[in-house]
PDB file of N, CA and C in Angstrom:
ATOM      1  N   MET A   1      -3.722  -2.130  -4.367  1.00  0.00           N
ATOM      2  CA  MET A   1      -2.341  -1.797  -4.057  1.00  0.00           C
ATOM      3  C   MET A   1      -1.917  -2.523  -2.783  1.00  0.00           C
ATOM      4  N   ILE A   2      -2.642  -2.282  -1.669  1.00  0.00           N
ATOM      5  CA  ILE A   2      -2.353  -2.995  -0.419  1.00  0.00           C
ATOM      6  C   ILE A   2      -3.571  -3.850  -0.082  1.00  0.00           C
ATOM      7  N   LEU A   3      -3.378  -5.135  -0.026  1.00  0.00           N
ATOM      8  CA  LEU A   3      -4.450  -6.024   0.396  1.00  0.00           C
ATOM      9  C   LEU A   3      -4.379  -6.264   1.895  1.00  0.00           C
ATOM     10  N   TYR A   4      -3.160  -6.302   2.419  1.00  0.00           N
ATOM     11  CA  TYR A   4      -2.956  -6.478   3.850  1.00  0.00           C
ATOM     12  C   TYR A   4      -1.936  -5.444   4.285  1.00  0.00           C
ATOM     13  N   GLY A   5      -2.368  -4.523   5.114  1.00  0.00           N
ATOM     14  CA  GLY A   5      -1.449  -3.477   5.545  1.00  0.00           C
ATOM     15  C   GLY A   5      -1.503  -3.243   7.040  1.00  0.00           C
ATOM     16  N   ARG A   6      -0.406  -2.727   7.527  1.00  0.00           N
ATOM     17  CA  ARG A   6      -0.352  -2.294   8.917  1.00  0.00           C
ATOM     18  C   ARG A   6      -0.413  -0.777   8.927  1.00  0.00           C
ATOM     19  N   VAL A   7      -0.996  -0.235   9.984  1.00  0.00           N
ATOM     20  CA  VAL A   7      -1.095   1.214  10.141  1.00  0.00           C
ATOM     21  C   VAL A   7      -0.186   1.630  11.284  1.00  0.00           C
ATOM     22  N   ALA A   8       0.688   2.576  11.006  1.00  0.00           N
ATOM     23  CA  ALA A   8       1.570   3.141  12.031  1.00  0.00           C
ATOM     24  C   ALA A   8       1.046   4.538  12.337  1.00  0.00           C
ATOM     25  N   ASP A   9       0.264   4.626  13.410  1.00  0.00           N
ATOM     26  CA  ASP A   9      -0.394   5.892  13.730  1.00  0.00           C
ATOM     27  C   ASP A   9      -0.013   6.438  15.104  1.00  0.00           C
ATOM     28  N   THR A  10       1.021   5.866  15.707  1.00  0.00           N
ATOM     29  CA  THR A  10       1.553   6.407  16.957  1.00  0.00           C
ATOM     30  C   THR A  10       3.034   6.705  16.751  1.00  0.00           C
ATOM     31  N   PHE A  11       3.584   7.508  17.628  1.00  0.00           N
ATOM     32  CA  PHE A  11       4.998   7.860  17.520  1.00  0.00           C
ATOM     33  C   PHE A  11       5.873   6.618  17.453  1.00  0.00           C
ATOM     34  N   TRP A  12       5.646   5.663  18.353  1.00  0.00           N
ATOM     35  CA  TRP A  12       6.508   4.484  18.435  1.00  0.00           C
ATOM     36  C   TRP A  12       6.356   3.580  17.220  1.00  0.00           C
ATOM     37  N   LEU A  13       5.127   3.411  16.726  1.00  0.00           N
ATOM     38  CA  LEU A  13       4.930   2.589  15.531  1.00  0.00           C
ATOM     39  C   LEU A  13       5.564   3.234  14.302  1.00  0.00           C
ATOM     40  N   ARG A  14       5.453   4.561  14.197  1.00  0.00           N
ATOM     41  CA  ARG A  14       6.087   5.261  13.071  1.00  0.00           C
ATOM     42  C   ARG A  14       7.601   5.198  13.188  1.00  0.00           C
ATOM     43  N   LEU A  15       8.116   5.324  14.413  1.00  0.00           N
ATOM     44  CA  LEU A  15       9.562   5.277  14.624  1.00  0.00           C
ATOM     45  C   LEU A  15      10.125   3.923  14.194  1.00  0.00           C
ATOM     46  N   LYS A  16       9.462   2.846  14.573  1.00  0.00           N
ATOM     47  CA  LYS A  16       9.918   1.502  14.210  1.00  0.00           C
ATOM     48  C   LYS A  16       9.694   1.222  12.730  1.00  0.00           C
ATOM     49  N   GLY A  17       8.553   1.624  12.205  1.00  0.00           N
ATOM     50  CA  GLY A  17       8.264   1.378  10.790  1.00  0.00           C
ATOM     51  C   GLY A  17       8.490  -0.075  10.430  1.00  0.00           C
ATOM     52  N   LEU A  18       9.302  -0.306   9.416  1.00  0.00           N
ATOM     53  CA  LEU A  18       9.610  -1.667   8.968  1.00  0.00           C
ATOM     54  C   LEU A  18      10.998  -2.126   9.400  1.00  0.00           C
ATOM     55  N   LEU A  19      11.631  -1.381  10.313  1.00  0.00           N
ATOM     56  CA  LEU A  19      12.959  -1.776  10.787  1.00  0.00           C
ATOM     57  C   LEU A  19      12.885  -3.155  11.432  1.00  0.00           C
ATOM     58  N   GLY A  20      13.745  -4.037  11.003  1.00  0.00           N
ATOM     59  CA  GLY A  20      13.783  -5.386  11.552  1.00  0.00           C
ATOM     60  C   GLY A  20      12.749  -6.329  10.967  1.00  0.00           C
ATOM     61  N   ALA A  21      11.923  -5.832  10.060  1.00  0.00           N
ATOM     62  CA  ALA A  21      10.879  -6.661   9.458  1.00  0.00           C
ATOM     63  C   ALA A  21      11.429  -7.436   8.266  1.00  0.00           C
ATOM     64  N   ALA A  22      10.748  -8.507   7.932  1.00  0.00           N
ATOM     65  CA  ALA A  22      11.073  -9.250   6.711  1.00  0.00           C
ATOM     66  C   ALA A  22      10.620  -8.426   5.513  1.00  0.00           C
ATOM     67  N   PRO A  23      11.232  -8.641   4.360  1.00  0.00           N
ATOM     68  CA  PRO A  23      10.786  -7.913   3.164  1.00  0.00           C
ATOM     69  C   PRO A  23       9.292  -8.103   2.921  1.00  0.00           C
ATOM     70  N   LEU A  24       8.653  -7.043   2.463  1.00  0.00           N
ATOM     71  CA  LEU A  24       7.224  -7.098   2.186  1.00  0.00           C
ATOM     72  C   LEU A  24       6.946  -7.995   0.987  1.00  0.00           C
ATOM     73  N   GLN A  25       5.839  -8.694   1.053  1.00  0.00           N
ATOM     74  CA  GLN A  25       5.364  -9.498  -0.072  1.00  0.00           C
ATOM     75  C   GLN A  25       4.365  -8.662  -0.872  1.00  0.00           C
ATOM     76  N   GLN A  26       4.135  -9.034  -2.123  1.00  0.00           N
ATOM     77  CA  GLN A  26       3.156  -8.310  -2.927  1.00  0.00           C
ATOM     78  C   GLN A  26       1.811  -8.311  -2.206  1.00  0.00           C
ATOM     79  N   GLY A  27       1.156  -7.155  -2.174  1.00  0.00           N
ATOM     80  CA  GLY A  27      -0.122  -7.005  -1.490  1.00  0.00           C
ATOM     81  C   GLY A  27       0.012  -6.530  -0.057  1.00  0.00           C
ATOM     82  N   GLU A  28       1.232  -6.502   0.479  1.00  0.00           N
ATOM     83  CA  GLU A  28       1.463  -6.020   1.839  1.00  0.00           C
ATOM     84  C   GLU A  28       1.952  -4.580   1.794  1.00  0.00           C
ATOM     85  N   GLY A  29       1.830  -3.894   2.917  1.00  0.00           N
ATOM     86  CA  GLY A  29       2.347  -2.537   2.992  1.00  0.00           C
ATOM     87  C   GLY A  29       2.203  -1.959   4.381  1.00  0.00           C
ATOM     88  N   LEU A  30       2.819  -0.805   4.561  1.00  0.00           N
ATOM     89  CA  LEU A  30       2.732  -0.071   5.817  1.00  0.00           C
ATOM     90  C   LEU A  30       2.225   1.323   5.502  1.00  0.00           C
ATOM     91  N   VAL A  31       1.222   1.778   6.250  1.00  0.00           N
ATOM     92  CA  VAL A  31       0.684   3.131   6.110  1.00  0.00           C
ATOM     93  C   VAL A  31       1.173   3.945   7.299  1.00  0.00           C
ATOM     94  N   LEU A  32       2.003   4.941   7.021  1.00  0.00           N
ATOM     95  CA  LEU A  32       2.497   5.850   8.057  1.00  0.00           C
ATOM     96  C   LEU A  32       1.570   7.058   8.097  1.00  0.00           C
ATOM     97  N   VAL A  33       0.928   7.273   9.223  1.00  0.00           N
ATOM     98  CA  VAL A  33      -0.039   8.364   9.368  1.00  0.00           C
ATOM     99  C   VAL A  33       0.655   9.590   9.934  1.00  0.00           C
ATOM    100  N   GLY A  34       0.493  10.727   9.259  1.00  0.00           N
ATOM    101  CA  GLY A  34       1.025  11.985   9.758  1.00  0.00           C
ATOM    102  C   GLY A  34       2.482  12.232   9.442  1.00  0.00           C
ATOM    103  N   GLU A  35       3.082  11.403   8.607  1.00  0.00           N
ATOM    104  CA  GLU A  35       4.491  11.582   8.247  1.00  0.00           C
ATOM    105  C   GLU A  35       4.625  12.416   6.981  1.00  0.00           C
ATOM    106  N   LYS A  36       5.723  13.128   6.903  1.00  0.00           N
ATOM    107  CA  LYS A  36       6.010  13.972   5.742  1.00  0.00           C
ATOM    108  C   LYS A  36       7.299  13.553   5.052  1.00  0.00           C
ATOM    109  N   SER A  37       8.062  12.672   5.695  1.00  0.00           N
ATOM    110  CA  SER A  37       9.328  12.201   5.149  1.00  0.00           C
ATOM    111  C   SER A  37       9.648  10.848   5.767  1.00  0.00           C
ATOM    112  N   ILE A  38      10.437  10.064   5.048  1.00  0.00           N
ATOM    113  CA  ILE A  38      10.871   8.767   5.579  1.00  0.00           C
ATOM    114  C   ILE A  38      12.348   8.563   5.273  1.00  0.00           C
ATOM    115  N   HIS A  39      12.887   7.507   5.829  1.00  0.00           N
ATOM    116  CA  HIS A  39      14.252   7.092   5.500  1.00  0.00           C
ATOM    117  C   HIS A  39      14.259   5.574   5.389  1.00  0.00           C
ATOM    118  N   THR A  40      15.311   5.067   4.780  1.00  0.00           N
ATOM    119  CA  THR A  40      15.497   3.616   4.720  1.00  0.00           C
ATOM    120  C   THR A  40      16.815   3.220   5.388  1.00  0.00           C
ATOM    121  N   LEU A  41      17.238   4.025   6.359  1.00  0.00           N
ATOM    122  CA  LEU A  41      18.444   3.700   7.114  1.00  0.00           C
ATOM    123  C   LEU A  41      18.225   2.386   7.862  1.00  0.00           C
ATOM    124  N   PHE A  42      19.198   1.525   7.815  1.00  0.00           N
ATOM    125  CA  PHE A  42      19.177   0.228   8.505  1.00  0.00           C
ATOM    126  C   PHE A  42      18.135  -0.741   7.950  1.00  0.00           C
ATOM    127  N   MET A  43      17.547  -0.422   6.813  1.00  0.00           N
ATOM    128  CA  MET A  43      16.587  -1.328   6.180  1.00  0.00           C
ATOM    129  C   MET A  43      17.357  -2.391   5.408  1.00  0.00           C
ATOM    130  N   GLY A  44      16.789  -3.558   5.315  1.00  0.00           N
ATOM    131  CA  GLY A  44      17.440  -4.641   4.600  1.00  0.00           C
ATOM    132  C   GLY A  44      16.898  -4.864   3.200  1.00  0.00           C
ATOM    133  N   PHE A  45      15.965  -4.013   2.768  1.00  0.00           N
ATOM    134  CA  PHE A  45      15.344  -4.218   1.457  1.00  0.00           C
ATOM    135  C   PHE A  45      14.814  -2.887   0.929  1.00  0.00           C
ATOM    136  N   PRO A  46      14.696  -2.759  -0.398  1.00  0.00           N
ATOM    137  CA  PRO A  46      14.172  -1.525  -0.991  1.00  0.00           C
ATOM    138  C   PRO A  46      12.646  -1.480  -0.914  1.00  0.00           C
ATOM    139  N   LEU A  47      12.099  -0.309  -1.163  1.00  0.00           N
ATOM    140  CA  LEU A  47      10.654  -0.083  -1.096  1.00  0.00           C
ATOM    141  C   LEU A  47      10.194   0.820  -2.232  1.00  0.00           C
ATOM    142  N   ASP A  48       8.939   0.681  -2.625  1.00  0.00           N
ATOM    143  CA  ASP A  48       8.250   1.705  -3.401  1.00  0.00           C
ATOM    144  C   ASP A  48       7.531   2.585  -2.385  1.00  0.00           C
ATOM    145  N   ILE A  49       7.555   3.900  -2.606  1.00  0.00           N
ATOM    146  CA  ILE A  49       6.987   4.851  -1.655  1.00  0.00           C
ATOM    147  C   ILE A  49       5.926   5.698  -2.352  1.00  0.00           C
ATOM    148  N   VAL A  50       4.779   5.866  -1.697  1.00  0.00           N
ATOM    149  CA  VAL A  50       3.713   6.720  -2.218  1.00  0.00           C
ATOM    150  C   VAL A  50       3.347   7.737  -1.141  1.00  0.00           C
ATOM    151  N   TYR A  51       3.454   9.018  -1.486  1.00  0.00           N
ATOM    152  CA  TYR A  51       3.064  10.111  -0.595  1.00  0.00           C
ATOM    153  C   TYR A  51       1.633  10.506  -0.944  1.00  0.00           C
ATOM    154  N   VAL A  52       0.787  10.619   0.083  1.00  0.00           N
ATOM    155  CA  VAL A  52      -0.638  10.856  -0.119  1.00  0.00           C
ATOM    156  C   VAL A  52      -1.065  12.049   0.733  1.00  0.00           C
ATOM    157  N   ASP A  53      -1.915  12.925   0.177  1.00  0.00           N
ATOM    158  CA  ASP A  53      -2.373  14.085   0.945  1.00  0.00           C
ATOM    159  C   ASP A  53      -3.611  13.748   1.772  1.00  0.00           C
ATOM    160  N   LYS A  54      -4.133  14.737   2.483  1.00  0.00           N
ATOM    161  CA  LYS A  54      -5.269  14.516   3.393  1.00  0.00           C
ATOM    162  C   LYS A  54      -6.542  14.105   2.664  1.00  0.00           C
ATOM    163  N   ASN A  55      -6.601  14.345   1.360  1.00  0.00           N
ATOM    164  CA  ASN A  55      -7.758  13.955   0.549  1.00  0.00           C
ATOM    165  C   ASN A  55      -7.534  12.614  -0.155  1.00  0.00           C
ATOM    166  N   TYR A  56      -6.491  11.905   0.253  1.00  0.00           N
ATOM    167  CA  TYR A  56      -6.141  10.588  -0.294  1.00  0.00           C
ATOM    168  C   TYR A  56      -5.728  10.653  -1.765  1.00  0.00           C
ATOM    169  N   GLN A  57      -5.150  11.769  -2.151  1.00  0.00           N
ATOM    170  CA  GLN A  57      -4.652  11.930  -3.512  1.00  0.00           C
ATOM    171  C   GLN A  57      -3.137  11.732  -3.511  1.00  0.00           C
ATOM    172  N   VAL A  58      -2.650  10.975  -4.487  1.00  0.00           N
ATOM    173  CA  VAL A  58      -1.211  10.742  -4.618  1.00  0.00           C
ATOM    174  C   VAL A  58      -0.537  12.047  -5.026  1.00  0.00           C
ATOM    175  N   ILE A  59       0.464  12.459  -4.236  1.00  0.00           N
ATOM    176  CA  ILE A  59       1.155  13.715  -4.539  1.00  0.00           C
ATOM    177  C   ILE A  59       2.615  13.505  -4.932  1.00  0.00           C
ATOM    178  N   ARG A  60       3.139  12.311  -4.673  1.00  0.00           N
ATOM    179  CA  ARG A  60       4.519  12.027  -5.075  1.00  0.00           C
ATOM    180  C   ARG A  60       4.750  10.526  -4.953  1.00  0.00           C
ATOM    181  N   THR A  61       5.625   9.995  -5.780  1.00  0.00           N
ATOM    182  CA  THR A  61       5.996   8.584  -5.685  1.00  0.00           C
ATOM    183  C   THR A  61       7.510   8.457  -5.793  1.00  0.00           C
ATOM    184  N   LYS A  62       8.006   7.364  -5.272  1.00  0.00           N
ATOM    185  CA  LYS A  62       9.426   7.025  -5.411  1.00  0.00           C
ATOM    186  C   LYS A  62       9.503   5.519  -5.645  1.00  0.00           C
ATOM    187  N   VAL A  63       9.971   5.150  -6.811  1.00  0.00           N
ATOM    188  CA  VAL A  63      10.113   3.742  -7.170  1.00  0.00           C
ATOM    189  C   VAL A  63      11.479   3.245  -6.703  1.00  0.00           C
ATOM    190  N   ASN A  64      11.487   2.086  -6.053  1.00  0.00           N
ATOM    191  CA  ASN A  64      12.726   1.403  -5.666  1.00  0.00           C
ATOM    192  C   ASN A  64      13.654   2.281  -4.819  1.00  0.00           C
ATOM    193  N   MET A  65      13.146   2.742  -3.690  1.00  0.00           N
ATOM    194  CA  MET A  65      13.987   3.481  -2.741  1.00  0.00           C
ATOM    195  C   MET A  65      14.850   2.464  -2.000  1.00  0.00           C
ATOM    196  N   VAL A  66      16.137   2.496  -2.285  1.00  0.00           N
ATOM    197  CA  VAL A  66      17.051   1.489  -1.745  1.00  0.00           C
ATOM    198  C   VAL A  66      17.407   1.802  -0.287  1.00  0.00           C
ATOM    199  N   PRO A  67      17.925   0.811   0.439  1.00  0.00           N
ATOM    200  CA  PRO A  67      18.324   1.042   1.831  1.00  0.00           C
ATOM    201  C   PRO A  67      19.359   2.160   1.965  1.00  0.00           C
ATOM    202  N   TYR A  68      19.348   2.769   3.131  1.00  0.00           N
ATOM    203  CA  TYR A  68      20.288   3.828   3.528  1.00  0.00           C
ATOM    204  C   TYR A  68      20.118   5.113   2.712  1.00  0.00           C
ATOM    205  N   ARG A  69      18.858   5.468   2.475  1.00  0.00           N
ATOM    206  CA  ARG A  69      18.552   6.720   1.786  1.00  0.00           C
ATOM    207  C   ARG A  69      17.586   7.544   2.626  1.00  0.00           C
ATOM    208  N   LEU A  70      17.608   8.858   2.404  1.00  0.00           N
ATOM    209  CA  LEU A  70      16.652   9.776   3.015  1.00  0.00           C
ATOM    210  C   LEU A  70      15.661  10.199   1.945  1.00  0.00           C
ATOM    211  N   GLY A  71      14.381  10.078   2.252  1.00  0.00           N
ATOM    212  CA  GLY A  71      13.357  10.516   1.311  1.00  0.00           C
ATOM    213  C   GLY A  71      13.145  12.010   1.424  1.00  0.00           C
ATOM    214  N   PRO A  72      12.489  12.600   0.440  1.00  0.00           N
ATOM    215  CA  PRO A  72      12.225  14.036   0.483  1.00  0.00           C
ATOM    216  C   PRO A  72      11.191  14.384   1.548  1.00  0.00           C
ATOM    217  N   PHE A  73      11.247  15.613   2.018  1.00  0.00           N
ATOM    218  CA  PHE A  73      10.209  16.150   2.895  1.00  0.00           C
ATOM    219  C   PHE A  73       9.095  16.648   1.987  1.00  0.00           C
ATOM    220  N   VAL A  74       7.888  16.138   2.178  1.00  0.00           N
ATOM    221  CA  VAL A  74       6.741  16.521   1.349  1.00  0.00           C
ATOM    222  C   VAL A  74       5.711  17.156   2.278  1.00  0.00           C
ATOM    223  N   ALA A  75       5.675  18.478   2.295  1.00  0.00           N
ATOM    224  CA  ALA A  75       4.870  19.231   3.264  1.00  0.00           C
ATOM    225  C   ALA A  75       3.390  18.870   3.214  1.00  0.00           C
ATOM    226  N   GLN A  76       2.863  18.571   2.041  1.00  0.00           N
ATOM    227  CA  GLN A  76       1.429  18.292   1.899  1.00  0.00           C
ATOM    228  C   GLN A  76       1.059  16.859   2.280  1.00  0.00           C
ATOM    229  N   ALA A  77       2.036  16.016   2.539  1.00  0.00           N
ATOM    230  CA  ALA A  77       1.753  14.607   2.830  1.00  0.00           C
ATOM    231  C   ALA A  77       1.029  14.453   4.163  1.00  0.00           C
ATOM    232  N   ALA A  78       0.009  13.606   4.158  1.00  0.00           N
ATOM    233  CA  ALA A  78      -0.693  13.216   5.378  1.00  0.00           C
ATOM    234  C   ALA A  78      -0.448  11.738   5.678  1.00  0.00           C
ATOM    235  N   TYR A  79      -0.099  10.993   4.637  1.00  0.00           N
ATOM    236  CA  TYR A  79       0.175   9.559   4.744  1.00  0.00           C
ATOM    237  C   TYR A  79       1.347   9.231   3.825  1.00  0.00           C
ATOM    238  N   ILE A  80       2.114   8.247   4.227  1.00  0.00           N
ATOM    239  CA  ILE A  80       3.141   7.699   3.348  1.00  0.00           C
ATOM    240  C   ILE A  80       2.950   6.186   3.334  1.00  0.00           C
ATOM    241  N   LEU A  81       2.875   5.629   2.133  1.00  0.00           N
ATOM    242  CA  LEU A  81       2.725   4.189   1.974  1.00  0.00           C
ATOM    243  C   LEU A  81       4.076   3.581   1.641  1.00  0.00           C
ATOM    244  N   GLU A  82       4.479   2.583   2.406  1.00  0.00           N
ATOM    245  CA  GLU A  82       5.692   1.822   2.123  1.00  0.00           C
ATOM    246  C   GLU A  82       5.248   0.485   1.543  1.00  0.00           C
ATOM    247  N   LEU A  83       5.707   0.209   0.328  1.00  0.00           N
ATOM    248  CA  LEU A  83       5.199  -0.922  -0.443  1.00  0.00           C
ATOM    249  C   LEU A  83       6.340  -1.754  -1.017  1.00  0.00           C
ATOM    250  N   PRO A  84       6.070  -3.012  -1.364  1.00  0.00           N
ATOM    251  CA  PRO A  84       7.102  -3.817  -2.012  1.00  0.00           C
ATOM    252  C   PRO A  84       7.494  -3.198  -3.354  1.00  0.00           C
ATOM    253  N   VAL A  85       8.755  -3.324  -3.705  1.00  0.00           N
ATOM    254  CA  VAL A  85       9.214  -2.838  -5.006  1.00  0.00           C
ATOM    255  C   VAL A  85       8.399  -3.523  -6.104  1.00  0.00           C
ATOM    256  N   GLY A  86       7.982  -2.737  -7.067  1.00  0.00           N
ATOM    257  CA  GLY A  86       7.175  -3.237  -8.178  1.00  0.00           C
ATOM    258  C   GLY A  86       5.711  -2.897  -8.050  1.00  0.00           C
ATOM    259  N   THR A  87       5.280  -2.471  -6.861  1.00  0.00           N
ATOM    260  CA  THR A  87       3.867  -2.175  -6.637  1.00  0.00           C
ATOM    261  C   THR A  87       3.404  -0.968  -7.442  1.00  0.00           C
ATOM    262  N   ILE A  88       4.201   0.092  -7.459  1.00  0.00           N
ATOM    263  CA  ILE A  88       3.800   1.301  -8.192  1.00  0.00           C
ATOM    264  C   ILE A  88       3.641   0.981  -9.673  1.00  0.00           C
ATOM    265  N   SER A  89       4.590   0.267 -10.230  1.00  0.00           N
ATOM    266  CA  SER A  89       4.522  -0.103 -11.643  1.00  0.00           C
ATOM    267  C   SER A  89       3.345  -1.037 -11.918  1.00  0.00           C
ATOM    268  N   ALA A  90       3.185  -2.066 -11.104  1.00  0.00           N
ATOM    269  CA  ALA A  90       2.124  -3.057 -11.316  1.00  0.00           C
ATOM    270  C   ALA A  90       0.732  -2.448 -11.200  1.00  0.00           C
ATOM    271  N   SER A  91       0.580  -1.453 -10.329  1.00  0.00           N
ATOM    272  CA  SER A  91      -0.728  -0.822 -10.126  1.00  0.00           C
ATOM    273  C   SER A  91      -0.905   0.424 -10.988  1.00  0.00           C
ATOM    274  N   ALA A  92       0.145   0.806 -11.722  1.00  0.00           N
ATOM    275  CA  ALA A  92       0.135   2.012 -12.569  1.00  0.00           C
ATOM    276  C   ALA A  92      -0.202   3.265 -11.757  1.00  0.00           C
ATOM    277  N   THR A  93       0.209   3.277 -10.495  1.00  0.00           N
ATOM    278  CA  THR A  93      -0.043   4.428  -9.627  1.00  0.00           C
ATOM    279  C   THR A  93       0.780   5.614 -10.094  1.00  0.00           C
ATOM    280  N   GLN A  94       0.137   6.786 -10.120  1.00  0.00           N
ATOM    281  CA  GLN A  94       0.834   8.002 -10.518  1.00  0.00           C
ATOM    282  C   GLN A  94       0.289   9.201  -9.755  1.00  0.00           C
ATOM    283  N   VAL A  95       1.036  10.287  -9.803  1.00  0.00           N
ATOM    284  CA  VAL A  95       0.627  11.528  -9.148  1.00  0.00           C
ATOM    285  C   VAL A  95      -0.755  11.920  -9.665  1.00  0.00           C
ATOM    286  N   ASP A  96      -1.587  12.409  -8.750  1.00  0.00           N
ATOM    287  CA  ASP A  96      -2.979  12.831  -8.968  1.00  0.00           C
ATOM    288  C   ASP A  96      -3.976  11.685  -8.899  1.00  0.00           C
ATOM    289  N   ASP A  97      -3.524  10.430  -8.774  1.00  0.00           N
ATOM    290  CA  ASP A  97      -4.466   9.330  -8.574  1.00  0.00           C
ATOM    291  C   ASP A  97      -5.191   9.529  -7.250  1.00  0.00           C
ATOM    292  N   GLN A  98      -6.443   9.123  -7.209  1.00  0.00           N
ATOM    293  CA  GLN A  98      -7.250   9.173  -5.990  1.00  0.00           C
ATOM    294  C   GLN A  98      -7.253   7.781  -5.373  1.00  0.00           C
ATOM    295  N   LEU A  99      -6.851   7.671  -4.106  1.00  0.00           N
ATOM    296  CA  LEU A  99      -6.828   6.383  -3.418  1.00  0.00           C
ATOM    297  C   LEU A  99      -8.033   6.246  -2.507  1.00  0.00           C
ATOM    298  N   ILE A 100      -8.372   5.026  -2.190  1.00  0.00           N
ATOM    299  CA  ILE A 100      -9.436   4.724  -1.232  1.00  0.00           C
ATOM    300  C   ILE A 100      -8.809   3.914  -0.113  1.00  0.00           C
ATOM    301  N   PHE A 101      -8.954   4.400   1.120  1.00  0.00           N
ATOM    302  CA  PHE A 101      -8.479   3.664   2.290  1.00  0.00           C
ATOM    303  C   PHE A 101      -9.695   2.975   2.899  1.00  0.00           C
ATOM    304  N   ALA A 102      -9.621   1.683   3.090  1.00  0.00           N
ATOM    305  CA  ALA A 102     -10.728   0.926   3.669  1.00  0.00           C
ATOM    306  C   ALA A 102     -10.194   0.006   4.756  1.00  0.00           C
ATOM    307  N   THR A 103     -11.054  -0.306   5.710  1.00  0.00           N
ATOM    308  CA  THR A 103     -10.657  -1.223   6.776  1.00  0.00           C
ATOM    309  C   THR A 103     -11.386  -2.534   6.645  1.00  0.00           C
TER     310      THR A 103
END
């Protein structure tokens, strides 16, 4: 799913997220640690979104979240993956999938 990703694990990195960034290429992504909700306000491109719990299980997905939207609050989320549009479909990711995070 993500071959090259950035981790946003501090307040400032999570706050900035992908604001001002170029659109993600296939294989790229951002992992937001400790987030339960996201937005795409001021974003210049859409994203696929994957909400993941503390056990690295997919608990919710959003395909093609367009700019200037508010995502849902997902109480069980421990991580949120921001991915290029098409990633969820191409990887056949779905709720209850088990993910592996590696460095």
